[in-house]
């Protein structure tokens, strides 16, 4: 059980080799924390709806996202601010209009396989 941290080495295990495999699969705790933060952004129905819309259609302006999601413009703007600060979306200015697009490829894959793959 070479992968078991010293602070857990005295704990009883049933399948020690699987414990080591599990520890290896979990990997770096910072990586796990970063993914947990990403998933927390997906946990909000409004933010998830915005991401789904952007994933399916490509760039959309705030007002268009508001109509598509049934949210108010201010709520969409606030959600986009969080998604932008987490580097999930980016905005492209075209005169006075800013169109937002999904830029996080890992989240796009999650949406495609996890959420979009189970629609009827």
PDB file of N, CA and C in Angstrom:
ATOM      1  N   UNK A   1       0.842  -1.185   0.000  1.00  0.00           N
ATOM      2  CA  UNK A   1       0.000   0.000   0.000  1.00  0.00           C
ATOM      3  C   UNK A   1       0.876   1.232   0.000  1.00  0.00           C
ATOM      4  N   UNK A   2       1.688   1.352  -1.002  1.00  0.00           N
ATOM      5  CA  UNK A   2       2.656   2.430  -1.118  1.00  0.00           C
ATOM      6  C   UNK A   2       2.031   3.797  -1.369  1.00  0.00           C
ATOM      7  N   UNK A   3       0.791   3.859  -1.856  1.00  0.00           N
ATOM      8  CA  UNK A   3       0.174   5.144  -2.144  1.00  0.00           C
ATOM      9  C   UNK A   3      -0.618   5.720  -0.978  1.00  0.00           C
ATOM     10  N   UNK A   4      -0.772   4.941   0.078  1.00  0.00           N
ATOM     11  CA  UNK A   4      -1.555   5.409   1.213  1.00  0.00           C
ATOM     12  C   UNK A   4      -0.749   6.461   1.967  1.00  0.00           C
ATOM     13  N   UNK A   5      -1.312   7.652   2.134  1.00  0.00           N
ATOM     14  CA  UNK A   5      -0.609   8.693   2.882  1.00  0.00           C
ATOM     15  C   UNK A   5      -0.342   8.251   4.323  1.00  0.00           C
ATOM     16  N   UNK A   6       0.701   8.793   4.880  1.00  0.00           N
ATOM     17  CA  UNK A   6       1.118   8.403   6.232  1.00  0.00           C
ATOM     18  C   UNK A   6       0.007   8.586   7.258  1.00  0.00           C
ATOM     19  N   UNK A   7      -0.800   9.633   7.106  1.00  0.00           N
ATOM     20  CA  UNK A   7      -1.856   9.874   8.093  1.00  0.00           C
ATOM     21  C   UNK A   7      -2.994   8.860   8.004  1.00  0.00           C
ATOM     22  N   UNK A   8      -3.014   8.027   6.955  1.00  0.00           N
ATOM     23  CA  UNK A   8      -4.043   6.989   6.808  1.00  0.00           C
ATOM     24  C   UNK A   8      -3.463   5.582   6.811  1.00  0.00           C
ATOM     25  N   UNK A   9      -2.173   5.470   6.985  1.00  0.00           N
ATOM     26  CA  UNK A   9      -1.493   4.175   6.880  1.00  0.00           C
ATOM     27  C   UNK A   9      -1.924   3.188   7.949  1.00  0.00           C
ATOM     28  N   UNK A  10      -2.384   3.656   9.081  1.00  0.00           N
ATOM     29  CA  UNK A  10      -2.781   2.747  10.163  1.00  0.00           C
ATOM     30  C   UNK A  10      -4.228   2.297  10.050  1.00  0.00           C
ATOM     31  N   UNK A  11      -4.980   2.848   9.093  1.00  0.00           N
ATOM     32  CA  UNK A  11      -6.378   2.439   8.908  1.00  0.00           C
ATOM     33  C   UNK A  11      -6.454   1.047   8.313  1.00  0.00           C
ATOM     34  N   UNK A  12      -7.443   0.286   8.750  1.00  0.00           N
ATOM     35  CA  UNK A  12      -7.647  -1.069   8.268  1.00  0.00           C
ATOM     36  C   UNK A  12      -8.230  -1.012   6.859  1.00  0.00           C
ATOM     37  N   UNK A  13      -7.709  -1.832   5.956  1.00  0.00           N
ATOM     38  CA  UNK A  13      -8.237  -1.931   4.599  1.00  0.00           C
ATOM     39  C   UNK A  13      -8.630  -3.371   4.318  1.00  0.00           C
ATOM     40  N   UNK A  14      -9.567  -3.556   3.431  1.00  0.00           N
ATOM     41  CA  UNK A  14      -9.999  -4.882   3.012  1.00  0.00           C
ATOM     42  C   UNK A  14      -9.226  -5.300   1.756  1.00  0.00           C
ATOM     43  N   UNK A  15      -9.233  -4.429   0.764  1.00  0.00           N
ATOM     44  CA  UNK A  15      -8.528  -4.690  -0.496  1.00  0.00           C
ATOM     45  C   UNK A  15      -7.486  -3.606  -0.705  1.00  0.00           C
ATOM     46  N   UNK A  16      -6.324  -3.809  -0.118  1.00  0.00           N
ATOM     47  CA  UNK A  16      -5.267  -2.807  -0.148  1.00  0.00           C
ATOM     48  C   UNK A  16      -4.869  -2.365  -1.543  1.00  0.00           C
ATOM     49  N   UNK A  17      -4.785  -3.319  -2.477  1.00  0.00           N
ATOM     50  CA  UNK A  17      -4.401  -2.950  -3.852  1.00  0.00           C
ATOM     51  C   UNK A  17      -5.446  -2.052  -4.499  1.00  0.00           C
ATOM     52  N   UNK A  18      -6.716  -2.288  -4.188  1.00  0.00           N
ATOM     53  CA  UNK A  18      -7.766  -1.418  -4.742  1.00  0.00           C
ATOM     54  C   UNK A  18      -7.747  -0.043  -4.082  1.00  0.00           C
ATOM     55  N   UNK A  19      -7.357   0.004  -2.824  1.00  0.00           N
ATOM     56  CA  UNK A  19      -7.222   1.300  -2.152  1.00  0.00           C
ATOM     57  C   UNK A  19      -6.158   2.126  -2.869  1.00  0.00           C
ATOM     58  N   UNK A  20      -5.043   1.505  -3.194  1.00  0.00           N
ATOM     59  CA  UNK A  20      -3.975   2.212  -3.917  1.00  0.00           C
ATOM     60  C   UNK A  20      -4.448   2.651  -5.300  1.00  0.00           C
ATOM     61  N   UNK A  21      -5.215   1.793  -5.989  1.00  0.00           N
ATOM     62  CA  UNK A  21      -5.759   2.168  -7.294  1.00  0.00           C
ATOM     63  C   UNK A  21      -6.735   3.335  -7.163  1.00  0.00           C
ATOM     64  N   UNK A  22      -7.540   3.320  -6.110  1.00  0.00           N
ATOM     65  CA  UNK A  22      -8.498   4.407  -5.878  1.00  0.00           C
ATOM     66  C   UNK A  22      -7.775   5.712  -5.597  1.00  0.00           C
ATOM     67  N   UNK A  23      -6.720   5.648  -4.800  1.00  0.00           N
ATOM     68  CA  UNK A  23      -5.932   6.847  -4.494  1.00  0.00           C
ATOM     69  C   UNK A  23      -5.307   7.396  -5.775  1.00  0.00           C
ATOM     70  N   UNK A  24      -4.798   6.505  -6.613  1.00  0.00           N
ATOM     71  CA  UNK A  24      -4.212   6.940  -7.890  1.00  0.00           C
ATOM     72  C   UNK A  24      -5.282   7.549  -8.796  1.00  0.00           C
ATOM     73  N   UNK A  25      -6.485   6.959  -8.798  1.00  0.00           N
ATOM     74  CA  UNK A  25      -7.568   7.471  -9.643  1.00  0.00           C
ATOM     75  C   UNK A  25      -8.022   8.853  -9.185  1.00  0.00           C
ATOM     76  N   UNK A  26      -8.056   9.065  -7.884  1.00  0.00           N
ATOM     77  CA  UNK A  26      -8.457  10.364  -7.346  1.00  0.00           C
ATOM     78  C   UNK A  26      -7.431  11.421  -7.716  1.00  0.00           C
ATOM     79  N   UNK A  27      -6.179  11.080  -7.613  1.00  0.00           N
ATOM     80  CA  UNK A  27      -5.104  11.994  -7.997  1.00  0.00           C
ATOM     81  C   UNK A  27      -4.940  13.169  -7.054  1.00  0.00           C
ATOM     82  N   UNK A  28      -4.476  14.252  -7.614  1.00  0.00           N
ATOM     83  CA  UNK A  28      -4.175  15.468  -6.869  1.00  0.00           C
ATOM     84  C   UNK A  28      -5.444  16.091  -6.299  1.00  0.00           C
ATOM     85  N   UNK A  29      -5.427  16.436  -5.031  1.00  0.00           N
ATOM     86  CA  UNK A  29      -6.614  17.008  -4.385  1.00  0.00           C
ATOM     87  C   UNK A  29      -6.983  18.371  -4.969  1.00  0.00           C
ATOM     88  N   UNK A  30      -6.019  19.130  -5.454  1.00  0.00           N
ATOM     89  CA  UNK A  30      -6.322  20.423  -6.074  1.00  0.00           C
ATOM     90  C   UNK A  30      -7.073  20.232  -7.388  1.00  0.00           C
ATOM     91  N   UNK A  31      -6.722  19.201  -8.125  1.00  0.00           N
ATOM     92  CA  UNK A  31      -7.430  18.891  -9.362  1.00  0.00           C
ATOM     93  C   UNK A  31      -8.876  18.506  -9.046  1.00  0.00           C
ATOM     94  N   UNK A  32      -9.075  17.713  -8.014  1.00  0.00           N
ATOM     95  CA  UNK A  32     -10.426  17.320  -7.584  1.00  0.00           C
ATOM     96  C   UNK A  32     -11.209  18.556  -7.155  1.00  0.00           C
ATOM     97  N   UNK A  33     -10.585  19.427  -6.401  1.00  0.00           N
ATOM     98  CA  UNK A  33     -11.237  20.651  -5.935  1.00  0.00           C
ATOM     99  C   UNK A  33     -11.641  21.538  -7.120  1.00  0.00           C
ATOM    100  N   UNK A  34     -10.770  21.651  -8.106  1.00  0.00           N
ATOM    101  CA  UNK A  34     -11.069  22.475  -9.279  1.00  0.00           C
ATOM    102  C   UNK A  34     -12.272  21.919 -10.037  1.00  0.00           C
ATOM    103  N   UNK A  35     -12.334  20.598 -10.194  1.00  0.00           N
ATOM    104  CA  UNK A  35     -13.484  19.998 -10.870  1.00  0.00           C
ATOM    105  C   UNK A  35     -14.750  20.158 -10.041  1.00  0.00           C
ATOM    106  N   UNK A  36     -14.643  20.060  -8.731  1.00  0.00           N
ATOM    107  CA  UNK A  36     -15.813  20.263  -7.869  1.00  0.00           C
ATOM    108  C   UNK A  36     -16.362  21.682  -8.046  1.00  0.00           C
ATOM    109  N   UNK A  37     -15.472  22.657  -8.169  1.00  0.00           N
ATOM    110  CA  UNK A  37     -15.905  24.036  -8.404  1.00  0.00           C
ATOM    111  C   UNK A  37     -16.597  24.175  -9.758  1.00  0.00           C
ATOM    112  N   UNK A  38     -16.065  23.487 -10.774  1.00  0.00           N
ATOM    113  CA  UNK A  38     -16.700  23.515 -12.087  1.00  0.00           C
ATOM    114  C   UNK A  38     -18.107  22.922 -12.008  1.00  0.00           C
ATOM    115  N   UNK A  39     -18.217  21.777 -11.328  1.00  0.00           N
ATOM    116  CA  UNK A  39     -19.523  21.138 -11.210  1.00  0.00           C
ATOM    117  C   UNK A  39     -20.484  21.988 -10.393  1.00  0.00           C
ATOM    118  N   UNK A  40     -19.973  22.752  -9.444  1.00  0.00           N
ATOM    119  CA  UNK A  40     -20.869  23.623  -8.669  1.00  0.00           C
ATOM    120  C   UNK A  40     -21.484  24.692  -9.574  1.00  0.00           C
ATOM    121  N   UNK A  41     -20.750  25.111 -10.596  1.00  0.00           N
ATOM    122  CA  UNK A  41     -21.307  26.059 -11.555  1.00  0.00           C
ATOM    123  C   UNK A  41     -22.429  25.421 -12.378  1.00  0.00           C
ATOM    124  N   UNK A  42     -22.321  24.129 -12.632  1.00  0.00           N
ATOM    125  CA  UNK A  42     -23.345  23.412 -13.381  1.00  0.00           C
ATOM    126  C   UNK A  42     -24.563  23.089 -12.518  1.00  0.00           C
ATOM    127  N   UNK A  43     -24.419  23.181 -11.208  1.00  0.00           N
ATOM    128  CA  UNK A  43     -25.496  22.790 -10.298  1.00  0.00           C
ATOM    129  C   UNK A  43     -26.646  23.789 -10.283  1.00  0.00           C
ATOM    130  N   UNK A  44     -26.432  24.987 -10.757  1.00  0.00           N
ATOM    131  CA  UNK A  44     -27.483  25.997 -10.808  1.00  0.00           C
ATOM    132  C   UNK A  44     -28.259  25.839 -12.120  1.00  0.00           C
ATOM    133  N   UNK A  45     -29.587  25.670 -12.053  1.00  0.00           N
ATOM    134  CA  UNK A  45     -30.358  25.464 -13.283  1.00  0.00           C
ATOM    135  C   UNK A  45     -30.220  26.599 -14.296  1.00  0.00           C
ATOM    136  N   UNK A  46     -30.137  27.825 -13.855  1.00  0.00           N
ATOM    137  CA  UNK A  46     -29.986  28.945 -14.780  1.00  0.00           C
ATOM    138  C   UNK A  46     -28.655  28.911 -15.507  1.00  0.00           C
ATOM    139  N   UNK A  47     -27.579  28.701 -14.758  1.00  0.00           N
ATOM    140  CA  UNK A  47     -26.254  28.633 -15.394  1.00  0.00           C
ATOM    141  C   UNK A  47     -26.166  27.426 -16.328  1.00  0.00           C
ATOM    142  N   UNK A  48     -26.743  26.306 -15.890  1.00  0.00           N
ATOM    143  CA  UNK A  48     -26.726  25.118 -16.742  1.00  0.00           C
ATOM    144  C   UNK A  48     -27.511  25.369 -18.027  1.00  0.00           C
ATOM    145  N   UNK A  49     -28.654  26.024 -17.919  1.00  0.00           N
ATOM    146  CA  UNK A  49     -29.451  26.343 -19.109  1.00  0.00           C
ATOM    147  C   UNK A  49     -28.656  27.242 -20.066  1.00  0.00           C
ATOM    148  N   UNK A  50     -27.958  28.215 -19.527  1.00  0.00           N
ATOM    149  CA  UNK A  50     -27.131  29.103 -20.359  1.00  0.00           C
ATOM    150  C   UNK A  50     -26.051  28.300 -21.070  1.00  0.00           C
ATOM    151  N   UNK A  51     -25.364  27.438 -20.341  1.00  0.00           N
ATOM    152  CA  UNK A  51     -24.301  26.637 -20.939  1.00  0.00           C
ATOM    153  C   UNK A  51     -24.845  25.692 -22.002  1.00  0.00           C
ATOM    154  N   UNK A  52     -26.006  25.093 -21.737  1.00  0.00           N
ATOM    155  CA  UNK A  52     -26.613  24.216 -22.738  1.00  0.00           C
ATOM    156  C   UNK A  52     -26.964  24.995 -24.005  1.00  0.00           C
ATOM    157  N   UNK A  53     -27.533  26.183 -23.827  1.00  0.00           N
ATOM    158  CA  UNK A  53     -27.890  27.013 -24.981  1.00  0.00           C
ATOM    159  C   UNK A  53     -26.648  27.377 -25.790  1.00  0.00           C
ATOM    160  N   UNK A  54     -25.595  27.797 -25.101  1.00  0.00           N
ATOM    161  CA  UNK A  54     -24.369  28.178 -25.806  1.00  0.00           C
ATOM    162  C   UNK A  54     -23.722  26.975 -26.477  1.00  0.00           C
ATOM    163  N   UNK A  55     -23.780  25.840 -25.823  1.00  0.00           N
ATOM    164  CA  UNK A  55     -23.188  24.626 -26.390  1.00  0.00           C
ATOM    165  C   UNK A  55     -23.913  24.217 -27.673  1.00  0.00           C
ATOM    166  N   UNK A  56     -25.219  24.309 -27.674  1.00  0.00           N
ATOM    167  CA  UNK A  56     -26.011  23.868 -28.813  1.00  0.00           C
ATOM    168  C   UNK A  56     -26.033  24.868 -29.963  1.00  0.00           C
ATOM    169  N   UNK A  57     -26.055  26.163 -29.627  1.00  0.00           N
ATOM    170  CA  UNK A  57     -26.285  27.155 -30.685  1.00  0.00           C
ATOM    171  C   UNK A  57     -25.066  27.970 -31.060  1.00  0.00           C
ATOM    172  N   UNK A  58     -24.091  28.025 -30.178  1.00  0.00           N
ATOM    173  CA  UNK A  58     -22.974  28.916 -30.416  1.00  0.00           C
ATOM    174  C   UNK A  58     -23.231  30.261 -29.774  1.00  0.00           C
ATOM    175  N   UNK A  59     -22.502  31.286 -30.167  1.00  0.00           N
ATOM    176  CA  UNK A  59     -22.562  32.587 -29.498  1.00  0.00           C
ATOM    177  C   UNK A  59     -23.959  33.206 -29.467  1.00  0.00           C
ATOM    178  N   UNK A  60     -24.319  33.721 -28.285  1.00  0.00           N
ATOM    179  CA  UNK A  60     -25.598  34.415 -28.087  1.00  0.00           C
ATOM    180  C   UNK A  60     -25.389  35.633 -27.201  1.00  0.00           C
ATOM    181  N   UNK A  61     -26.183  36.668 -27.454  1.00  0.00           N
ATOM    182  CA  UNK A  61     -26.171  37.878 -26.641  1.00  0.00           C
ATOM    183  C   UNK A  61     -27.011  37.658 -25.383  1.00  0.00           C
ATOM    184  N   UNK A  62     -26.807  38.520 -24.383  1.00  0.00           N
ATOM    185  CA  UNK A  62     -27.511  38.412 -23.108  1.00  0.00           C
ATOM    186  C   UNK A  62     -29.018  38.388 -23.308  1.00  0.00           C
ATOM    187  N   UNK A  63     -29.540  39.306 -24.097  1.00  0.00           N
ATOM    188  CA  UNK A  63     -30.996  39.375 -24.286  1.00  0.00           C
ATOM    189  C   UNK A  63     -31.534  38.109 -24.943  1.00  0.00           C
ATOM    190  N   UNK A  64     -30.795  37.551 -25.873  1.00  0.00           N
ATOM    191  CA  UNK A  64     -31.219  36.302 -26.521  1.00  0.00           C
ATOM    192  C   UNK A  64     -31.170  35.141 -25.535  1.00  0.00           C
ATOM    193  N   UNK A  65     -30.144  35.106 -24.706  1.00  0.00           N
ATOM    194  CA  UNK A  65     -30.056  34.071 -23.674  1.00  0.00           C
ATOM    195  C   UNK A  65     -31.202  34.198 -22.671  1.00  0.00           C
ATOM    196  N   UNK A  66     -31.576  35.429 -22.362  1.00  0.00           N
ATOM    197  CA  UNK A  66     -32.685  35.651 -21.431  1.00  0.00           C
ATOM    198  C   UNK A  66     -33.980  35.082 -21.999  1.00  0.00           C
ATOM    199  N   UNK A  67     -34.230  35.329 -23.262  1.00  0.00           N
ATOM    200  CA  UNK A  67     -35.434  34.796 -23.898  1.00  0.00           C
ATOM    201  C   UNK A  67     -35.371  33.267 -23.941  1.00  0.00           C
ATOM    202  N   UNK A  68     -34.226  32.727 -24.330  1.00  0.00           N
ATOM    203  CA  UNK A  68     -34.078  31.274 -24.466  1.00  0.00           C
ATOM    204  C   UNK A  68     -34.236  30.551 -23.130  1.00  0.00           C
ATOM    205  N   UNK A  69     -33.727  31.137 -22.058  1.00  0.00           N
ATOM    206  CA  UNK A  69     -33.735  30.462 -20.756  1.00  0.00           C
ATOM    207  C   UNK A  69     -34.932  30.840 -19.892  1.00  0.00           C
ATOM    208  N   UNK A  70     -35.629  31.917 -20.254  1.00  0.00           N
ATOM    209  CA  UNK A  70     -36.732  32.383 -19.426  1.00  0.00           C
ATOM    210  C   UNK A  70     -36.272  33.165 -18.212  1.00  0.00           C
ATOM    211  N   UNK A  71     -35.031  33.605 -18.235  1.00  0.00           N
ATOM    212  CA  UNK A  71     -34.456  34.377 -17.132  1.00  0.00           C
ATOM    213  C   UNK A  71     -34.526  35.866 -17.464  1.00  0.00           C
ATOM    214  N   UNK A  72     -34.352  36.691 -16.466  1.00  0.00           N
ATOM    215  CA  UNK A  72     -34.253  38.139 -16.687  1.00  0.00           C
ATOM    216  C   UNK A  72     -32.848  38.458 -17.183  1.00  0.00           C
ATOM    217  N   UNK A  73     -32.731  39.548 -17.939  1.00  0.00           N
ATOM    218  CA  UNK A  73     -31.428  39.967 -18.463  1.00  0.00           C
ATOM    219  C   UNK A  73     -30.396  40.110 -17.348  1.00  0.00           C
ATOM    220  N   UNK A  74     -30.806  40.690 -16.224  1.00  0.00           N
ATOM    221  CA  UNK A  74     -29.851  40.900 -15.121  1.00  0.00           C
ATOM    222  C   UNK A  74     -29.375  39.578 -14.535  1.00  0.00           C
ATOM    223  N   UNK A  75     -30.263  38.592 -14.451  1.00  0.00           N
ATOM    224  CA  UNK A  75     -29.869  37.278 -13.932  1.00  0.00           C
ATOM    225  C   UNK A  75     -28.914  36.581 -14.896  1.00  0.00           C
ATOM    226  N   UNK A  76     -29.178  36.726 -16.194  1.00  0.00           N
ATOM    227  CA  UNK A  76     -28.276  36.154 -17.203  1.00  0.00           C
ATOM    228  C   UNK A  76     -26.907  36.828 -17.116  1.00  0.00           C
ATOM    229  N   UNK A  77     -26.896  38.141 -16.996  1.00  0.00           N
ATOM    230  CA  UNK A  77     -25.620  38.868 -16.890  1.00  0.00           C
ATOM    231  C   UNK A  77     -24.834  38.422 -15.673  1.00  0.00           C
ATOM    232  N   UNK A  78     -25.509  38.268 -14.549  1.00  0.00           N
ATOM    233  CA  UNK A  78     -24.833  37.825 -13.327  1.00  0.00           C
ATOM    234  C   UNK A  78     -24.283  36.408 -13.496  1.00  0.00           C
ATOM    235  N   UNK A  79     -25.065  35.523 -14.081  1.00  0.00           N
ATOM    236  CA  UNK A  79     -24.601  34.156 -14.308  1.00  0.00           C
ATOM    237  C   UNK A  79     -23.404  34.141 -15.257  1.00  0.00           C
ATOM    238  N   UNK A  80     -23.474  34.943 -16.308  1.00  0.00           N
ATOM    239  CA  UNK A  80     -22.359  35.005 -17.260  1.00  0.00           C
ATOM    240  C   UNK A  80     -21.097  35.556 -16.610  1.00  0.00           C
ATOM    241  N   UNK A  81     -21.265  36.484 -15.679  1.00  0.00           N
ATOM    242  CA  UNK A  81     -20.102  37.020 -14.964  1.00  0.00           C
ATOM    243  C   UNK A  81     -19.376  35.890 -14.218  1.00  0.00           C
ATOM    244  N   UNK A  82     -20.146  35.028 -13.548  1.00  0.00           N
ATOM    245  CA  UNK A  82     -19.544  33.898 -12.839  1.00  0.00           C
ATOM    246  C   UNK A  82     -18.902  32.908 -13.810  1.00  0.00           C
ATOM    247  N   UNK A  83     -19.605  32.604 -14.873  1.00  0.00           N
ATOM    248  CA  UNK A  83     -19.086  31.658 -15.859  1.00  0.00           C
ATOM    249  C   UNK A  83     -17.849  32.199 -16.567  1.00  0.00           C
ATOM    250  N   UNK A  84     -17.831  33.506 -16.802  1.00  0.00           N
ATOM    251  CA  UNK A  84     -16.663  34.140 -17.434  1.00  0.00           C
ATOM    252  C   UNK A  84     -15.471  34.127 -16.485  1.00  0.00           C
ATOM    253  N   UNK A  85     -15.711  34.430 -15.201  1.00  0.00           N
ATOM    254  CA  UNK A  85     -14.597  34.454 -14.243  1.00  0.00           C
ATOM    255  C   UNK A  85     -14.022  33.059 -14.021  1.00  0.00           C
ATOM    256  N   UNK A  86     -14.830  32.032 -14.249  1.00  0.00           N
ATOM    257  CA  UNK A  86     -14.342  30.655 -14.138  1.00  0.00           C
ATOM    258  C   UNK A  86     -13.771  30.151 -15.465  1.00  0.00           C
ATOM    259  N   UNK A  87     -13.730  31.004 -16.476  1.00  0.00           N
ATOM    260  CA  UNK A  87     -13.179  30.699 -17.808  1.00  0.00           C
ATOM    261  C   UNK A  87     -13.968  29.607 -18.531  1.00  0.00           C
ATOM    262  N   UNK A  88     -15.272  29.527 -18.269  1.00  0.00           N
ATOM    263  CA  UNK A  88     -16.122  28.597 -18.999  1.00  0.00           C
ATOM    264  C   UNK A  88     -16.679  29.235 -20.260  1.00  0.00           C
ATOM    265  N   UNK A  89     -16.914  30.547 -20.206  1.00  0.00           N
ATOM    266  CA  UNK A  89     -17.427  31.273 -21.371  1.00  0.00           C
ATOM    267  C   UNK A  89     -16.556  32.497 -21.624  1.00  0.00           C
ATOM    268  N   UNK A  90     -16.663  33.008 -22.833  1.00  0.00           N
ATOM    269  CA  UNK A  90     -15.978  34.254 -23.203  1.00  0.00           C
ATOM    270  C   UNK A  90     -16.943  35.068 -24.051  1.00  0.00           C
ATOM    271  N   UNK A  91     -16.758  36.369 -24.008  1.00  0.00           N
ATOM    272  CA  UNK A  91     -17.606  37.266 -24.783  1.00  0.00           C
ATOM    273  C   UNK A  91     -16.836  37.910 -25.913  1.00  0.00           C
ATOM    274  N   UNK A  92     -17.504  38.033 -27.045  1.00  0.00           N
ATOM    275  CA  UNK A  92     -16.921  38.692 -28.217  1.00  0.00           C
ATOM    276  C   UNK A  92     -17.776  39.901 -28.553  1.00  0.00           C
ATOM    277  N   UNK A  93     -17.145  41.067 -28.549  1.00  0.00           N
ATOM    278  CA  UNK A  93     -17.862  42.314 -28.805  1.00  0.00           C
ATOM    279  C   UNK A  93     -17.991  42.548 -30.300  1.00  0.00           C
ATOM    280  N   UNK A  94     -19.217  42.931 -30.693  1.00  0.00           N
ATOM    281  CA  UNK A  94     -19.508  43.312 -32.069  1.00  0.00           C
ATOM    282  C   UNK A  94     -20.269  44.628 -31.982  1.00  0.00           C
ATOM    283  N   UNK A  95     -19.537  45.724 -31.974  1.00  0.00           N
ATOM    284  CA  UNK A  95     -20.147  47.032 -31.732  1.00  0.00           C
ATOM    285  C   UNK A  95     -20.626  47.104 -30.296  1.00  0.00           C
ATOM    286  N   UNK A  96     -21.919  47.332 -30.113  1.00  0.00           N
ATOM    287  CA  UNK A  96     -22.479  47.418 -28.758  1.00  0.00           C
ATOM    288  C   UNK A  96     -22.950  46.064 -28.233  1.00  0.00           C
ATOM    289  N   UNK A  97     -22.934  45.063 -29.070  1.00  0.00           N
ATOM    290  CA  UNK A  97     -23.429  43.734 -28.713  1.00  0.00           C
ATOM    291  C   UNK A  97     -22.259  42.845 -28.302  1.00  0.00           C
ATOM    292  N   UNK A  98     -22.447  42.128 -27.196  1.00  0.00           N
ATOM    293  CA  UNK A  98     -21.474  41.118 -26.775  1.00  0.00           C
ATOM    294  C   UNK A  98     -22.163  39.773 -26.879  1.00  0.00           C
ATOM    295  N   UNK A  99     -21.564  38.880 -27.653  1.00  0.00           N
ATOM    296  CA  UNK A  99     -22.085  37.521 -27.789  1.00  0.00           C
ATOM    297  C   UNK A  99     -21.161  36.595 -27.012  1.00  0.00           C
ATOM    298  N   UNK A 100     -21.785  35.768 -26.184  1.00  0.00           N
ATOM    299  CA  UNK A 100     -21.034  34.848 -25.334  1.00  0.00           C
ATOM    300  C   UNK A 100     -20.990  33.470 -25.966  1.00  0.00           C
ATOM    301  N   UNK A 101     -19.864  32.789 -25.739  1.00  0.00           N
ATOM    302  CA  UNK A 101     -19.686  31.443 -26.276  1.00  0.00           C
ATOM    303  C   UNK A 101     -19.013  30.569 -25.227  1.00  0.00           C
ATOM    304  N   UNK A 102     -19.273  29.280 -25.300  1.00  0.00           N
ATOM    305  CA  UNK A 102     -18.661  28.304 -24.406  1.00  0.00           C
ATOM    306  C   UNK A 102     -17.234  28.068 -24.879  1.00  0.00           C
ATOM    307  N   UNK A 103     -16.261  28.204 -23.972  1.00  0.00           N
ATOM    308  CA  UNK A 103     -14.861  28.023 -24.362  1.00  0.00           C
ATOM    309  C   UNK A 103     -14.183  26.873 -23.627  1.00  0.00           C
ATOM    310  N   UNK A 104     -14.804  26.353 -22.590  1.00  0.00           N
ATOM    311  CA  UNK A 104     -14.209  25.255 -21.824  1.00  0.00           C
ATOM    312  C   UNK A 104     -14.573  23.935 -22.503  1.00  0.00           C
ATOM    313  N   UNK A 105     -13.594  23.311 -23.153  1.00  0.00           N
ATOM    314  CA  UNK A 105     -13.863  22.091 -23.913  1.00  0.00           C
ATOM    315  C   UNK A 105     -14.241  20.917 -23.017  1.00  0.00           C
ATOM    316  N   UNK A 106     -13.697  20.866 -21.822  1.00  0.00           N
ATOM    317  CA  UNK A 106     -14.042  19.770 -20.909  1.00  0.00           C
ATOM    318  C   UNK A 106     -15.507  19.863 -20.487  1.00  0.00           C
ATOM    319  N   UNK A 107     -15.979  21.066 -20.200  1.00  0.00           N
ATOM    320  CA  UNK A 107     -17.387  21.256 -19.848  1.00  0.00           C
ATOM    321  C   UNK A 107     -18.268  20.965 -21.060  1.00  0.00           C
ATOM    322  N   UNK A 108     -17.816  21.325 -22.240  1.00  0.00           N
ATOM    323  CA  UNK A 108     -18.574  21.018 -23.455  1.00  0.00           C
ATOM    324  C   UNK A 108     -18.747  19.509 -23.604  1.00  0.00           C
ATOM    325  N   UNK A 109     -17.700  18.759 -23.294  1.00  0.00           N
ATOM    326  CA  UNK A 109     -17.790  17.298 -23.355  1.00  0.00           C
ATOM    327  C   UNK A 109     -18.758  16.765 -22.306  1.00  0.00           C
ATOM    328  N   UNK A 110     -18.724  17.328 -21.107  1.00  0.00           N
ATOM    329  CA  UNK A 110     -19.658  16.916 -20.056  1.00  0.00           C
ATOM    330  C   UNK A 110     -21.087  17.171 -20.515  1.00  0.00           C
ATOM    331  N   UNK A 111     -21.332  18.341 -21.084  1.00  0.00           N
ATOM    332  CA  UNK A 111     -22.666  18.670 -21.565  1.00  0.00           C
ATOM    333  C   UNK A 111     -23.099  17.715 -22.676  1.00  0.00           C
ATOM    334  N   UNK A 112     -22.195  17.430 -23.576  1.00  0.00           N
ATOM    335  CA  UNK A 112     -22.527  16.552 -24.703  1.00  0.00           C
ATOM    336  C   UNK A 112     -22.797  15.127 -24.256  1.00  0.00           C
ATOM    337  N   UNK A 113     -22.005  14.626 -23.354  1.00  0.00           N
ATOM    338  CA  UNK A 113     -22.135  13.221 -22.937  1.00  0.00           C
ATOM    339  C   UNK A 113     -23.082  13.027 -21.767  1.00  0.00           C
ATOM    340  N   UNK A 114     -23.055  13.981 -20.844  1.00  0.00           N
ATOM    341  CA  UNK A 114     -23.845  13.799 -19.642  1.00  0.00           C
ATOM    342  C   UNK A 114     -25.266  14.296 -19.759  1.00  0.00           C
ATOM    343  N   UNK A 115     -25.431  15.511 -20.176  1.00  0.00           N
ATOM    344  CA  UNK A 115     -26.748  16.133 -20.179  1.00  0.00           C
ATOM    345  C   UNK A 115     -27.439  15.926 -21.529  1.00  0.00           C
ATOM    346  N   UNK A 116     -26.768  16.305 -22.579  1.00  0.00           N
ATOM    347  CA  UNK A 116     -27.391  16.252 -23.905  1.00  0.00           C
ATOM    348  C   UNK A 116     -27.581  14.827 -24.387  1.00  0.00           C
ATOM    349  N   UNK A 117     -26.732  13.928 -23.936  1.00  0.00           N
ATOM    350  CA  UNK A 117     -26.820  12.534 -24.365  1.00  0.00           C
ATOM    351  C   UNK A 117     -28.012  11.799 -23.790  1.00  0.00           C
ATOM    352  N   UNK A 118     -28.700  12.381 -22.800  1.00  0.00           N
ATOM    353  CA  UNK A 118     -29.823  11.685 -22.160  1.00  0.00           C
ATOM    354  C   UNK A 118     -31.160  12.363 -22.448  1.00  0.00           C
ATOM    355  N   UNK A 119     -31.214  13.219 -23.453  1.00  0.00           N
ATOM    356  CA  UNK A 119     -32.482  13.864 -23.809  1.00  0.00           C
ATOM    357  C   UNK A 119     -33.308  12.915 -24.668  1.00  0.00           C
ATOM    358  N   UNK A 120     -34.599  13.062 -24.555  1.00  0.00           N
ATOM    359  CA  UNK A 120     -35.509  12.268 -25.411  1.00  0.00           C
ATOM    360  C   UNK A 120     -36.088  13.133 -26.487  1.00  0.00           C
TER     361      UNK A 120
END
